[in-house]
Amino acid sequence: MNEKFLLINALDKETYADCHIVGSINVPLADLAQAAEQFDKDAEIVVYCASNECPVGAKAWHILHNLGFTNVREFPGGMREWYTHSLPVEGACNATYLQGSGSPLPEDDEIETVTLQDLKSKLGI
């Protein structure tokens, strides 16, 4: 994969199929290290998962960072934040986590993040 910007949903295939950000690709966390062999090391990569209660995005960031990717960020609000702002999605979006609100995970100061506004800008929205 030689793309200069990748938006990666690191959730399982079923969750991705239910609802994901338009333009994102699905690389489940368990497959990320192997799939990353095909990514351009210079690409800008944003990873996301379900919500700020979900640890998968942070885990994905750490995997890519530890593999030497230097331009990787996490979108911590994930699919829930994107969906609740009525931004472009694909799928039926029936998963219950999209409607919930719970306690966010503690911030990991090592992880570089991207805001909703920044991600919208990167996607031309």
PDB file of N, CA and C in Angstrom:
ATOM      1  N   MET A   1       0.848  -1.167   0.000  1.00  0.00           N
ATOM      2  CA  MET A   1       0.000   0.000   0.000  1.00  0.00           C
ATOM      3  C   MET A   1       0.894   1.230   0.000  1.00  0.00           C
ATOM      4  N   ASN A   2       0.729   2.088  -0.966  1.00  0.00           N
ATOM      5  CA  ASN A   2       1.626   3.229  -1.100  1.00  0.00           C
ATOM      6  C   ASN A   2       0.900   4.543  -0.898  1.00  0.00           C
ATOM      7  N   GLU A   3      -0.189   4.508  -0.149  1.00  0.00           N
ATOM      8  CA  GLU A   3      -0.967   5.715   0.056  1.00  0.00           C
ATOM      9  C   GLU A   3      -0.312   6.595   1.107  1.00  0.00           C
ATOM     10  N   LYS A   4      -0.468   7.907   0.957  1.00  0.00           N
ATOM     11  CA  LYS A   4       0.172   8.840   1.880  1.00  0.00           C
ATOM     12  C   LYS A   4      -0.701   9.164   3.090  1.00  0.00           C
ATOM     13  N   PHE A   5      -1.991   8.794   3.078  1.00  0.00           N
ATOM     14  CA  PHE A   5      -2.859   8.968   4.239  1.00  0.00           C
ATOM     15  C   PHE A   5      -3.732   7.734   4.374  1.00  0.00           C
ATOM     16  N   LEU A   6      -3.689   7.123   5.537  1.00  0.00           N
ATOM     17  CA  LEU A   6      -4.524   5.963   5.826  1.00  0.00           C
ATOM     18  C   LEU A   6      -5.343   6.234   7.079  1.00  0.00           C
ATOM     19  N   LEU A   7      -6.623   5.971   6.993  1.00  0.00           N
ATOM     20  CA  LEU A   7      -7.518   6.041   8.139  1.00  0.00           C
ATOM     21  C   LEU A   7      -7.923   4.606   8.438  1.00  0.00           C
ATOM     22  N   ILE A   8      -7.491   4.108   9.586  1.00  0.00           N
ATOM     23  CA  ILE A   8      -7.654   2.690   9.902  1.00  0.00           C
ATOM     24  C   ILE A   8      -8.596   2.490  11.080  1.00  0.00           C
ATOM     25  N   ASN A   9      -9.670   1.725  10.827  1.00  0.00           N
ATOM     26  CA  ASN A   9     -10.565   1.258  11.876  1.00  0.00           C
ATOM     27  C   ASN A   9      -9.984  -0.079  12.338  1.00  0.00           C
ATOM     28  N   ALA A  10      -9.574  -0.148  13.607  1.00  0.00           N
ATOM     29  CA  ALA A  10      -8.890  -1.338  14.121  1.00  0.00           C
ATOM     30  C   ALA A  10      -9.826  -2.316  14.834  1.00  0.00           C
ATOM     31  N   LEU A  11     -11.125  -2.150  14.662  1.00  0.00           N
ATOM     32  CA  LEU A  11     -12.101  -3.050  15.285  1.00  0.00           C
ATOM     33  C   LEU A  11     -12.289  -4.303  14.445  1.00  0.00           C
ATOM     34  N   ASP A  12     -13.020  -5.274  14.977  1.00  0.00           N
ATOM     35  CA  ASP A  12     -13.270  -6.508  14.235  1.00  0.00           C
ATOM     36  C   ASP A  12     -14.125  -6.224  12.991  1.00  0.00           C
ATOM     37  N   LYS A  13     -14.143  -7.178  12.087  1.00  0.00           N
ATOM     38  CA  LYS A  13     -14.809  -6.987  10.790  1.00  0.00           C
ATOM     39  C   LYS A  13     -16.306  -6.720  10.929  1.00  0.00           C
ATOM     40  N   GLU A  14     -16.952  -7.385  11.884  1.00  0.00           N
ATOM     41  CA  GLU A  14     -18.392  -7.206  12.059  1.00  0.00           C
ATOM     42  C   GLU A  14     -18.722  -5.788  12.525  1.00  0.00           C
ATOM     43  N   THR A  15     -17.945  -5.283  13.467  1.00  0.00           N
ATOM     44  CA  THR A  15     -18.177  -3.933  13.976  1.00  0.00           C
ATOM     45  C   THR A  15     -17.901  -2.902  12.890  1.00  0.00           C
ATOM     46  N   TYR A  16     -16.834  -3.120  12.127  1.00  0.00           N
ATOM     47  CA  TYR A  16     -16.510  -2.235  11.001  1.00  0.00           C
ATOM     48  C   TYR A  16     -17.657  -2.242   9.986  1.00  0.00           C
ATOM     49  N   ALA A  17     -18.166  -3.426   9.659  1.00  0.00           N
ATOM     50  CA  ALA A  17     -19.248  -3.534   8.669  1.00  0.00           C
ATOM     51  C   ALA A  17     -20.500  -2.801   9.141  1.00  0.00           C
ATOM     52  N   ASP A  18     -20.757  -2.801  10.446  1.00  0.00           N
ATOM     53  CA  ASP A  18     -21.941  -2.126  10.974  1.00  0.00           C
ATOM     54  C   ASP A  18     -21.845  -0.621  10.798  1.00  0.00           C
ATOM     55  N   CYS A  19     -20.660  -0.048  11.045  1.00  0.00           N
ATOM     56  CA  CYS A  19     -20.552   1.411  10.974  1.00  0.00           C
ATOM     57  C   CYS A  19     -19.087   1.825  10.976  1.00  0.00           C
ATOM     58  N   HIS A  20     -18.695   2.559   9.957  1.00  0.00           N
ATOM     59  CA  HIS A  20     -17.335   3.073   9.904  1.00  0.00           C
ATOM     60  C   HIS A  20     -17.298   4.399   9.158  1.00  0.00           C
ATOM     61  N   ILE A  21     -16.225   5.135   9.381  1.00  0.00           N
ATOM     62  CA  ILE A  21     -16.027   6.423   8.728  1.00  0.00           C
ATOM     63  C   ILE A  21     -15.784   6.188   7.245  1.00  0.00           C
ATOM     64  N   VAL A  22     -16.495   6.942   6.418  1.00  0.00           N
ATOM     65  CA  VAL A  22     -16.306   6.831   4.974  1.00  0.00           C
ATOM     66  C   VAL A  22     -14.831   7.088   4.651  1.00  0.00           C
ATOM     67  N   GLY A  23     -14.259   6.203   3.865  1.00  0.00           N
ATOM     68  CA  GLY A  23     -12.858   6.341   3.463  1.00  0.00           C
ATOM     69  C   GLY A  23     -11.885   5.582   4.341  1.00  0.00           C
ATOM     70  N   SER A  24     -12.383   5.018   5.444  1.00  0.00           N
ATOM     71  CA  SER A  24     -11.485   4.252   6.310  1.00  0.00           C
ATOM     72  C   SER A  24     -11.387   2.814   5.818  1.00  0.00           C
ATOM     73  N   ILE A  25     -10.294   2.175   6.209  1.00  0.00           N
ATOM     74  CA  ILE A  25     -10.120   0.760   5.908  1.00  0.00           C
ATOM     75  C   ILE A  25     -10.171  -0.006   7.219  1.00  0.00           C
ATOM     76  N   ASN A  26     -10.489  -1.278   7.127  1.00  0.00           N
ATOM     77  CA  ASN A  26     -10.557  -2.119   8.319  1.00  0.00           C
ATOM     78  C   ASN A  26      -9.320  -2.991   8.401  1.00  0.00           C
ATOM     79  N   VAL A  27      -8.589  -2.826   9.481  1.00  0.00           N
ATOM     80  CA  VAL A  27      -7.481  -3.714   9.789  1.00  0.00           C
ATOM     81  C   VAL A  27      -7.649  -4.074  11.266  1.00  0.00           C
ATOM     82  N   PRO A  28      -8.286  -5.228  11.546  1.00  0.00           N
ATOM     83  CA  PRO A  28      -8.486  -5.615  12.940  1.00  0.00           C
ATOM     84  C   PRO A  28      -7.156  -5.629  13.700  1.00  0.00           C
ATOM     85  N   LEU A  29      -7.211  -5.274  14.958  1.00  0.00           N
ATOM     86  CA  LEU A  29      -6.010  -5.147  15.777  1.00  0.00           C
ATOM     87  C   LEU A  29      -5.109  -6.381  15.675  1.00  0.00           C
ATOM     88  N   ALA A  30      -5.702  -7.568  15.696  1.00  0.00           N
ATOM     89  CA  ALA A  30      -4.920  -8.806  15.641  1.00  0.00           C
ATOM     90  C   ALA A  30      -4.133  -8.943  14.340  1.00  0.00           C
ATOM     91  N   ASP A  31      -4.570  -8.272  13.297  1.00  0.00           N
ATOM     92  CA  ASP A  31      -3.920  -8.370  11.984  1.00  0.00           C
ATOM     93  C   ASP A  31      -3.014  -7.185  11.672  1.00  0.00           C
ATOM     94  N   LEU A  32      -2.971  -6.200  12.557  1.00  0.00           N
ATOM     95  CA  LEU A  32      -2.319  -4.925  12.239  1.00  0.00           C
ATOM     96  C   LEU A  32      -0.830  -5.045  11.978  1.00  0.00           C
ATOM     97  N   ALA A  33      -0.100  -5.743  12.812  1.00  0.00           N
ATOM     98  CA  ALA A  33       1.354  -5.838  12.632  1.00  0.00           C
ATOM     99  C   ALA A  33       1.701  -6.446  11.278  1.00  0.00           C
ATOM    100  N   GLN A  34       0.997  -7.498  10.892  1.00  0.00           N
ATOM    101  CA  GLN A  34       1.267  -8.134   9.599  1.00  0.00           C
ATOM    102  C   GLN A  34       0.848  -7.216   8.451  1.00  0.00           C
ATOM    103  N   ALA A  35      -0.311  -6.601   8.558  1.00  0.00           N
ATOM    104  CA  ALA A  35      -0.784  -5.705   7.496  1.00  0.00           C
ATOM    105  C   ALA A  35       0.131  -4.502   7.336  1.00  0.00           C
ATOM    106  N   ALA A  36       0.724  -4.043   8.428  1.00  0.00           N
ATOM    107  CA  ALA A  36       1.589  -2.863   8.394  1.00  0.00           C
ATOM    108  C   ALA A  36       2.807  -3.054   7.506  1.00  0.00           C
ATOM    109  N   GLU A  37       3.168  -4.293   7.243  1.00  0.00           N
ATOM    110  CA  GLU A  37       4.295  -4.570   6.336  1.00  0.00           C
ATOM    111  C   GLU A  37       4.032  -3.988   4.951  1.00  0.00           C
ATOM    112  N   GLN A  38       2.761  -3.797   4.622  1.00  0.00           N
ATOM    113  CA  GLN A  38       2.387  -3.281   3.301  1.00  0.00           C
ATOM    114  C   GLN A  38       2.210  -1.763   3.291  1.00  0.00           C
ATOM    115  N   PHE A  39       2.262  -1.126   4.454  1.00  0.00           N
ATOM    116  CA  PHE A  39       2.039   0.318   4.540  1.00  0.00           C
ATOM    117  C   PHE A  39       3.326   1.079   4.258  1.00  0.00           C
ATOM    118  N   ASP A  40       3.175   2.235   3.680  1.00  0.00           N
ATOM    119  CA  ASP A  40       4.292   3.154   3.453  1.00  0.00           C
ATOM    120  C   ASP A  40       4.714   3.728   4.804  1.00  0.00           C
ATOM    121  N   LYS A  41       5.986   3.545   5.171  1.00  0.00           N
ATOM    122  CA  LYS A  41       6.483   4.031   6.468  1.00  0.00           C
ATOM    123  C   LYS A  41       6.356   5.548   6.600  1.00  0.00           C
ATOM    124  N   ASP A  42       6.289   6.255   5.479  1.00  0.00           N
ATOM    125  CA  ASP A  42       6.174   7.709   5.506  1.00  0.00           C
ATOM    126  C   ASP A  42       4.729   8.192   5.491  1.00  0.00           C
ATOM    127  N   ALA A  43       3.795   7.268   5.382  1.00  0.00           N
ATOM    128  CA  ALA A  43       2.384   7.648   5.305  1.00  0.00           C
ATOM    129  C   ALA A  43       1.914   8.265   6.610  1.00  0.00           C
ATOM    130  N   GLU A  44       0.963   9.179   6.486  1.00  0.00           N
ATOM    131  CA  GLU A  44       0.266   9.689   7.655  1.00  0.00           C
ATOM    132  C   GLU A  44      -0.854   8.699   7.954  1.00  0.00           C
ATOM    133  N   ILE A  45      -0.876   8.195   9.172  1.00  0.00           N
ATOM    134  CA  ILE A  45      -1.853   7.173   9.556  1.00  0.00           C
ATOM    135  C   ILE A  45      -2.638   7.652  10.776  1.00  0.00           C
ATOM    136  N   VAL A  46      -3.956   7.525  10.686  1.00  0.00           N
ATOM    137  CA  VAL A  46      -4.828   7.782  11.838  1.00  0.00           C
ATOM    138  C   VAL A  46      -5.568   6.486  12.123  1.00  0.00           C
ATOM    139  N   VAL A  47      -5.512   6.053  13.385  1.00  0.00           N
ATOM    140  CA  VAL A  47      -6.217   4.842  13.811  1.00  0.00           C
ATOM    141  C   VAL A  47      -7.371   5.245  14.723  1.00  0.00           C
ATOM    142  N   TYR A  48      -8.434   4.454  14.674  1.00  0.00           N
ATOM    143  CA  TYR A  48      -9.566   4.715  15.569  1.00  0.00           C
ATOM    144  C   TYR A  48     -10.289   3.423  15.888  1.00  0.00           C
ATOM    145  N   CYS A  49     -11.098   3.499  16.949  1.00  0.00           N
ATOM    146  CA  CYS A  49     -11.919   2.350  17.331  1.00  0.00           C
ATOM    147  C   CYS A  49     -13.338   2.833  17.629  1.00  0.00           C
ATOM    148  N   ALA A  50     -13.976   2.283  18.631  1.00  0.00           N
ATOM    149  CA  ALA A  50     -15.390   2.563  18.877  1.00  0.00           C
ATOM    150  C   ALA A  50     -15.636   3.917  19.531  1.00  0.00           C
ATOM    151  N   SER A  51     -14.886   4.211  20.591  1.00  0.00           N
ATOM    152  CA  SER A  51     -15.147   5.421  21.368  1.00  0.00           C
ATOM    153  C   SER A  51     -13.973   5.680  22.307  1.00  0.00           C
ATOM    154  N   ASN A  52     -14.098   6.725  23.097  1.00  0.00           N
ATOM    155  CA  ASN A  52     -13.036   7.036  24.056  1.00  0.00           C
ATOM    156  C   ASN A  52     -13.035   6.081  25.248  1.00  0.00           C
ATOM    157  N   GLU A  53     -13.938   5.111  25.251  1.00  0.00           N
ATOM    158  CA  GLU A  53     -13.952   4.052  26.268  1.00  0.00           C
ATOM    159  C   GLU A  53     -13.263   2.797  25.755  1.00  0.00           C
ATOM    160  N   CYS A  54     -12.878   2.790  24.503  1.00  0.00           N
ATOM    161  CA  CYS A  54     -12.336   1.614  23.821  1.00  0.00           C
ATOM    162  C   CYS A  54     -10.806   1.701  23.766  1.00  0.00           C
ATOM    163  N   PRO A  55     -10.091   0.662  24.199  1.00  0.00           N
ATOM    164  CA  PRO A  55      -8.632   0.688  24.197  1.00  0.00           C
ATOM    165  C   PRO A  55      -7.993   0.303  22.863  1.00  0.00           C
ATOM    166  N   VAL A  56      -8.774  -0.130  21.897  1.00  0.00           N
ATOM    167  CA  VAL A  56      -8.215  -0.674  20.659  1.00  0.00           C
ATOM    168  C   VAL A  56      -7.433   0.363  19.857  1.00  0.00           C
ATOM    169  N   GLY A  57      -7.927   1.595  19.770  1.00  0.00           N
ATOM    170  CA  GLY A  57      -7.211   2.634  19.027  1.00  0.00           C
ATOM    171  C   GLY A  57      -5.834   2.901  19.619  1.00  0.00           C
ATOM    172  N   ALA A  58      -5.772   2.977  20.936  1.00  0.00           N
ATOM    173  CA  ALA A  58      -4.486   3.204  21.603  1.00  0.00           C
ATOM    174  C   ALA A  58      -3.541   2.033  21.365  1.00  0.00           C
ATOM    175  N   LYS A  59      -4.066   0.821  21.438  1.00  0.00           N
ATOM    176  CA  LYS A  59      -3.233  -0.362  21.183  1.00  0.00           C
ATOM    177  C   LYS A  59      -2.719  -0.345  19.753  1.00  0.00           C
ATOM    178  N   ALA A  60      -3.570   0.037  18.810  1.00  0.00           N
ATOM    179  CA  ALA A  60      -3.158   0.115  17.408  1.00  0.00           C
ATOM    180  C   ALA A  60      -2.052   1.158  17.235  1.00  0.00           C
ATOM    181  N   TRP A  61      -2.200   2.304  17.901  1.00  0.00           N
ATOM    182  CA  TRP A  61      -1.175   3.342  17.823  1.00  0.00           C
ATOM    183  C   TRP A  61       0.163   2.791  18.302  1.00  0.00           C
ATOM    184  N   HIS A  62       0.146   2.102  19.444  1.00  0.00           N
ATOM    185  CA  HIS A  62       1.386   1.560  20.004  1.00  0.00           C
ATOM    186  C   HIS A  62       2.019   0.523  19.077  1.00  0.00           C
ATOM    187  N   ILE A  63       1.209  -0.319  18.470  1.00  0.00           N
ATOM    188  CA  ILE A  63       1.751  -1.323  17.534  1.00  0.00           C
ATOM    189  C   ILE A  63       2.483  -0.625  16.399  1.00  0.00           C
ATOM    190  N   LEU A  64       1.826   0.333  15.765  1.00  0.00           N
ATOM    191  CA  LEU A  64       2.445   1.020  14.623  1.00  0.00           C
ATOM    192  C   LEU A  64       3.658   1.831  15.066  1.00  0.00           C
ATOM    193  N   HIS A  65       3.547   2.513  16.170  1.00  0.00           N
ATOM    194  CA  HIS A  65       4.668   3.302  16.683  1.00  0.00           C
ATOM    195  C   HIS A  65       5.879   2.397  16.951  1.00  0.00           C
ATOM    196  N   ASN A  66       5.635   1.247  17.563  1.00  0.00           N
ATOM    197  CA  ASN A  66       6.721   0.312  17.868  1.00  0.00           C
ATOM    198  C   ASN A  66       7.314  -0.326  16.613  1.00  0.00           C
ATOM    199  N   LEU A  67       6.569  -0.317  15.517  1.00  0.00           N
ATOM    200  CA  LEU A  67       7.078  -0.828  14.235  1.00  0.00           C
ATOM    201  C   LEU A  67       7.850   0.246  13.465  1.00  0.00           C
ATOM    202  N   GLY A  68       7.955   1.438  14.034  1.00  0.00           N
ATOM    203  CA  GLY A  68       8.756   2.484  13.411  1.00  0.00           C
ATOM    204  C   GLY A  68       7.979   3.505  12.609  1.00  0.00           C
ATOM    205  N   PHE A  69       6.651   3.457  12.662  1.00  0.00           N
ATOM    206  CA  PHE A  69       5.859   4.481  11.985  1.00  0.00           C
ATOM    207  C   PHE A  69       5.920   5.746  12.833  1.00  0.00           C
ATOM    208  N   THR A  70       6.296   6.846  12.229  1.00  0.00           N
ATOM    209  CA  THR A  70       6.505   8.075  13.001  1.00  0.00           C
ATOM    210  C   THR A  70       5.408   9.107  12.797  1.00  0.00           C
ATOM    211  N   ASN A  71       4.540   8.888  11.832  1.00  0.00           N
ATOM    212  CA  ASN A  71       3.479   9.852  11.541  1.00  0.00           C
ATOM    213  C   ASN A  71       2.119   9.197  11.781  1.00  0.00           C
ATOM    214  N   VAL A  72       1.964   8.608  12.967  1.00  0.00           N
ATOM    215  CA  VAL A  72       0.721   7.919  13.310  1.00  0.00           C
ATOM    216  C   VAL A  72       0.055   8.645  14.473  1.00  0.00           C
ATOM    217  N   ARG A  73      -1.276   8.756  14.375  1.00  0.00           N
ATOM    218  CA  ARG A  73      -2.066   9.400  15.419  1.00  0.00           C
ATOM    219  C   ARG A  73      -3.321   8.565  15.680  1.00  0.00           C
ATOM    220  N   GLU A  74      -3.881   8.793  16.854  1.00  0.00           N
ATOM    221  CA  GLU A  74      -5.137   8.141  17.197  1.00  0.00           C
ATOM    222  C   GLU A  74      -6.244   9.183  17.229  1.00  0.00           C
ATOM    223  N   PHE A  75      -7.422   8.802  16.745  1.00  0.00           N
ATOM    224  CA  PHE A  75      -8.626   9.618  16.898  1.00  0.00           C
ATOM    225  C   PHE A  75      -9.378   9.024  18.089  1.00  0.00           C
ATOM    226  N   PRO A  76      -9.157   9.575  19.304  1.00  0.00           N
ATOM    227  CA  PRO A  76      -9.671   8.929  20.516  1.00  0.00           C
ATOM    228  C   PRO A  76     -11.191   8.911  20.652  1.00  0.00           C
ATOM    229  N   GLY A  77     -11.885   9.848  20.047  1.00  0.00           N
ATOM    230  CA  GLY A  77     -13.348   9.857  20.133  1.00  0.00           C
ATOM    231  C   GLY A  77     -13.976   8.727  19.345  1.00  0.00           C
ATOM    232  N   GLY A  78     -13.234   8.217  18.381  1.00  0.00           N
ATOM    233  CA  GLY A  78     -13.652   7.053  17.614  1.00  0.00           C
ATOM    234  C   GLY A  78     -14.960   7.211  16.861  1.00  0.00           C
ATOM    235  N   MET A  79     -15.512   6.068  16.552  1.00  0.00           N
ATOM    236  CA  MET A  79     -16.722   6.008  15.737  1.00  0.00           C
ATOM    237  C   MET A  79     -17.886   6.725  16.412  1.00  0.00           C
ATOM    238  N   ARG A  80     -17.999   6.631  17.735  1.00  0.00           N
ATOM    239  CA  ARG A  80     -19.120   7.276  18.415  1.00  0.00           C
ATOM    240  C   ARG A  80     -19.078   8.793  18.221  1.00  0.00           C
ATOM    241  N   GLU A  81     -17.928   9.416  18.416  1.00  0.00           N
ATOM    242  CA  GLU A  81     -17.848  10.872  18.259  1.00  0.00           C
ATOM    243  C   GLU A  81     -18.166  11.266  16.820  1.00  0.00           C
ATOM    244  N   TRP A  82     -17.626  10.533  15.869  1.00  0.00           N
ATOM    245  CA  TRP A  82     -17.874  10.825  14.460  1.00  0.00           C
ATOM    246  C   TRP A  82     -19.373  10.719  14.157  1.00  0.00           C
ATOM    247  N   TYR A  83     -19.978   9.624  14.587  1.00  0.00           N
ATOM    248  CA  TYR A  83     -21.393   9.348  14.321  1.00  0.00           C
ATOM    249  C   TYR A  83     -22.302  10.379  14.984  1.00  0.00           C
ATOM    250  N   THR A  84     -22.027  10.739  16.224  1.00  0.00           N
ATOM    251  CA  THR A  84     -22.901  11.675  16.936  1.00  0.00           C
ATOM    252  C   THR A  84     -22.831  13.090  16.370  1.00  0.00           C
ATOM    253  N   HIS A  85     -21.822  13.363  15.559  1.00  0.00           N
ATOM    254  CA  HIS A  85     -21.746  14.658  14.880  1.00  0.00           C
ATOM    255  C   HIS A  85     -22.318  14.587  13.459  1.00  0.00           C
ATOM    256  N   SER A  86     -23.006  13.479  13.161  1.00  0.00           N
ATOM    257  CA  SER A  86     -23.692  13.285  11.864  1.00  0.00           C
ATOM    258  C   SER A  86     -22.754  13.444  10.680  1.00  0.00           C
ATOM    259  N   LEU A  87     -21.559  12.911  10.821  1.00  0.00           N
ATOM    260  CA  LEU A  87     -20.582  12.956   9.735  1.00  0.00           C
ATOM    261  C   LEU A  87     -20.702  11.708   8.876  1.00  0.00           C
ATOM    262  N   PRO A  88     -20.141  11.715   7.667  1.00  0.00           N
ATOM    263  CA  PRO A  88     -20.350  10.613   6.718  1.00  0.00           C
ATOM    264  C   PRO A  88     -19.874   9.248   7.233  1.00  0.00           C
ATOM    265  N   VAL A  89     -20.802   8.301   7.201  1.00  0.00           N
ATOM    266  CA  VAL A  89     -20.533   6.934   7.634  1.00  0.00           C
ATOM    267  C   VAL A  89     -21.032   5.951   6.583  1.00  0.00           C
ATOM    268  N   GLU A  90     -20.546   4.733   6.693  1.00  0.00           N
ATOM    269  CA  GLU A  90     -21.053   3.628   5.885  1.00  0.00           C
ATOM    270  C   GLU A  90     -21.503   2.536   6.838  1.00  0.00           C
ATOM    271  N   GLY A  91     -22.598   1.880   6.486  1.00  0.00           N
ATOM    272  CA  GLY A  91     -23.126   0.801   7.300  1.00  0.00           C
ATOM    273  C   GLY A  91     -24.454   1.192   7.929  1.00  0.00           C
ATOM    274  N   ALA A  92     -25.084   0.218   8.530  1.00  0.00           N
ATOM    275  CA  ALA A  92     -26.400   0.425   9.148  1.00  0.00           C
ATOM    276  C   ALA A  92     -26.307   1.240  10.438  1.00  0.00           C
ATOM    277  N   CYS A  93     -25.173   1.190  11.095  1.00  0.00           N
ATOM    278  CA  CYS A  93     -24.935   1.933  12.343  1.00  0.00           C
ATOM    279  C   CYS A  93     -25.971   1.588  13.412  1.00  0.00           C
ATOM    280  N   ASN A  94     -26.126   0.297  13.653  1.00  0.00           N
ATOM    281  CA  ASN A  94     -27.074  -0.192  14.655  1.00  0.00           C
ATOM    282  C   ASN A  94     -26.431  -0.549  15.984  1.00  0.00           C
ATOM    283  N   ALA A  95     -25.118  -0.536  16.072  1.00  0.00           N
ATOM    284  CA  ALA A  95     -24.433  -0.964  17.293  1.00  0.00           C
ATOM    285  C   ALA A  95     -24.814  -0.053  18.466  1.00  0.00           C
ATOM    286  N   THR A  96     -25.041  -0.670  19.606  1.00  0.00           N
ATOM    287  CA  THR A  96     -25.487   0.087  20.778  1.00  0.00           C
ATOM    288  C   THR A  96     -24.433   1.062  21.292  1.00  0.00           C
ATOM    289  N   TYR A  97     -23.142   0.767  21.102  1.00  0.00           N
ATOM    290  CA  TYR A  97     -22.110   1.669  21.624  1.00  0.00           C
ATOM    291  C   TYR A  97     -22.205   3.065  21.005  1.00  0.00           C
ATOM    292  N   LEU A  98     -22.807   3.180  19.834  1.00  0.00           N
ATOM    293  CA  LEU A  98     -22.923   4.480  19.167  1.00  0.00           C
ATOM    294  C   LEU A  98     -23.815   5.436  19.948  1.00  0.00           C
ATOM    295  N   GLN A  99     -24.740   4.908  20.730  1.00  0.00           N
ATOM    296  CA  GLN A  99     -25.673   5.728  21.500  1.00  0.00           C
ATOM    297  C   GLN A  99     -25.224   5.954  22.931  1.00  0.00           C
ATOM    298  N   GLY A 100     -24.271   5.182  23.390  1.00  0.00           N
ATOM    299  CA  GLY A 100     -23.873   5.222  24.792  1.00  0.00           C
ATOM    300  C   GLY A 100     -23.000   6.407  25.147  1.00  0.00           C
ATOM    301  N   SER A 101     -22.781   6.520  26.412  1.00  0.00           N
ATOM    302  CA  SER A 101     -21.801   7.468  26.918  1.00  0.00           C
ATOM    303  C   SER A 101     -21.337   6.926  28.255  1.00  0.00           C
ATOM    304  N   GLY A 102     -20.071   6.779  28.362  1.00  0.00           N
ATOM    305  CA  GLY A 102     -19.517   6.235  29.593  1.00  0.00           C
ATOM    306  C   GLY A 102     -18.273   6.998  29.964  1.00  0.00           C
ATOM    307  N   SER A 103     -17.504   6.416  30.818  1.00  0.00           N
ATOM    308  CA  SER A 103     -16.284   7.067  31.284  1.00  0.00           C
ATOM    309  C   SER A 103     -15.142   6.811  30.314  1.00  0.00           C
ATOM    310  N   PRO A 104     -14.518   7.879  29.843  1.00  0.00           N
ATOM    311  CA  PRO A 104     -13.388   7.691  28.942  1.00  0.00           C
ATOM    312  C   PRO A 104     -12.212   7.031  29.664  1.00  0.00           C
ATOM    313  N   LEU A 105     -11.413   6.314  28.894  1.00  0.00           N
ATOM    314  CA  LEU A 105     -10.192   5.734  29.448  1.00  0.00           C
ATOM    315  C   LEU A 105      -9.226   6.857  29.801  1.00  0.00           C
ATOM    316  N   PRO A 106      -8.342   6.622  30.748  1.00  0.00           N
ATOM    317  CA  PRO A 106      -7.334   7.642  31.050  1.00  0.00           C
ATOM    318  C   PRO A 106      -6.477   7.921  29.816  1.00  0.00           C
ATOM    319  N   GLU A 107      -6.059   9.158  29.675  1.00  0.00           N
ATOM    320  CA  GLU A 107      -5.233   9.524  28.522  1.00  0.00           C
ATOM    321  C   GLU A 107      -3.844   8.929  28.671  1.00  0.00           C
ATOM    322  N   ASP A 108      -3.300   8.500  27.549  1.00  0.00           N
ATOM    323  CA  ASP A 108      -1.935   8.001  27.472  1.00  0.00           C
ATOM    324  C   ASP A 108      -1.117   9.123  26.849  1.00  0.00           C
ATOM    325  N   ASP A 109      -0.297   9.784  27.650  1.00  0.00           N
ATOM    326  CA  ASP A 109       0.426  10.968  27.191  1.00  0.00           C
ATOM    327  C   ASP A 109       1.405  10.685  26.059  1.00  0.00           C
ATOM    328  N   GLU A 110       1.759   9.428  25.870  1.00  0.00           N
ATOM    329  CA  GLU A 110       2.691   9.073  24.794  1.00  0.00           C
ATOM    330  C   GLU A 110       2.024   9.139  23.420  1.00  0.00           C
ATOM    331  N   ILE A 111       0.721   8.892  23.388  1.00  0.00           N
ATOM    332  CA  ILE A 111      -0.005   8.795  22.123  1.00  0.00           C
ATOM    333  C   ILE A 111      -0.268  10.171  21.531  1.00  0.00           C
ATOM    334  N   GLU A 112       0.075  10.311  20.269  1.00  0.00           N
ATOM    335  CA  GLU A 112      -0.264  11.530  19.537  1.00  0.00           C
ATOM    336  C   GLU A 112      -1.672  11.352  18.997  1.00  0.00           C
ATOM    337  N   THR A 113      -2.498  12.373  19.165  1.00  0.00           N
ATOM    338  CA  THR A 113      -3.898  12.266  18.779  1.00  0.00           C
ATOM    339  C   THR A 113      -4.268  13.298  17.712  1.00  0.00           C
ATOM    340  N   VAL A 114      -5.434  13.088  17.148  1.00  0.00           N
ATOM    341  CA  VAL A 114      -6.016  14.014  16.192  1.00  0.00           C
ATOM    342  C   VAL A 114      -7.429  14.326  16.686  1.00  0.00           C
ATOM    343  N   THR A 115      -7.834  15.580  16.565  1.00  0.00           N
ATOM    344  CA  THR A 115      -9.174  15.981  16.996  1.00  0.00           C
ATOM    345  C   THR A 115     -10.190  15.709  15.891  1.00  0.00           C
ATOM    346  N   LEU A 116     -11.447  15.821  16.239  1.00  0.00           N
ATOM    347  CA  LEU A 116     -12.517  15.671  15.259  1.00  0.00           C
ATOM    348  C   LEU A 116     -12.339  16.688  14.130  1.00  0.00           C
ATOM    349  N   GLN A 117     -12.083  17.933  14.491  1.00  0.00           N
ATOM    350  CA  GLN A 117     -11.918  18.982  13.476  1.00  0.00           C
ATOM    351  C   GLN A 117     -10.745  18.690  12.551  1.00  0.00           C
ATOM    352  N   ASP A 118      -9.623  18.237  13.132  1.00  0.00           N
ATOM    353  CA  ASP A 118      -8.452  17.907  12.324  1.00  0.00           C
ATOM    354  C   ASP A 118      -8.743  16.762  11.351  1.00  0.00           C
ATOM    355  N   LEU A 119      -9.439  15.744  11.845  1.00  0.00           N
ATOM    356  CA  LEU A 119      -9.755  14.606  10.993  1.00  0.00           C
ATOM    357  C   LEU A 119     -10.716  15.006   9.875  1.00  0.00           C
ATOM    358  N   LYS A 120     -11.702  15.819  10.201  1.00  0.00           N
ATOM    359  CA  LYS A 120     -12.603  16.328   9.158  1.00  0.00           C
ATOM    360  C   LYS A 120     -11.812  17.054   8.088  1.00  0.00           C
ATOM    361  N   SER A 121     -10.879  17.867   8.490  1.00  0.00           N
ATOM    362  CA  SER A 121     -10.056  18.630   7.553  1.00  0.00           C
ATOM    363  C   SER A 121      -9.229  17.682   6.682  1.00  0.00           C
ATOM    364  N   LYS A 122      -8.615  16.674   7.274  1.00  0.00           N
ATOM    365  CA  LYS A 122      -7.805  15.721   6.522  1.00  0.00           C
ATOM    366  C   LYS A 122      -8.638  14.991   5.471  1.00  0.00           C
ATOM    367  N   LEU A 123      -9.923  14.780   5.788  1.00  0.00           N
ATOM    368  CA  LEU A 123     -10.822  14.074   4.871  1.00  0.00           C
ATOM    369  C   LEU A 123     -11.571  15.029   3.935  1.00  0.00           C
ATOM    370  N   GLY A 124     -11.311  16.307   4.057  1.00  0.00           N
ATOM    371  CA  GLY A 124     -11.951  17.284   3.185  1.00  0.00           C
ATOM    372  C   GLY A 124     -13.422  17.499   3.488  1.00  0.00           C
ATOM    373  N   ILE A 125     -13.788  17.384   4.741  1.00  0.00           N
ATOM    374  CA  ILE A 125     -15.205  17.538   5.151  1.00  0.00           C
ATOM    375  C   ILE A 125     -15.379  18.852   5.879  1.00  0.00           C
TER     376      ILE A 125
END
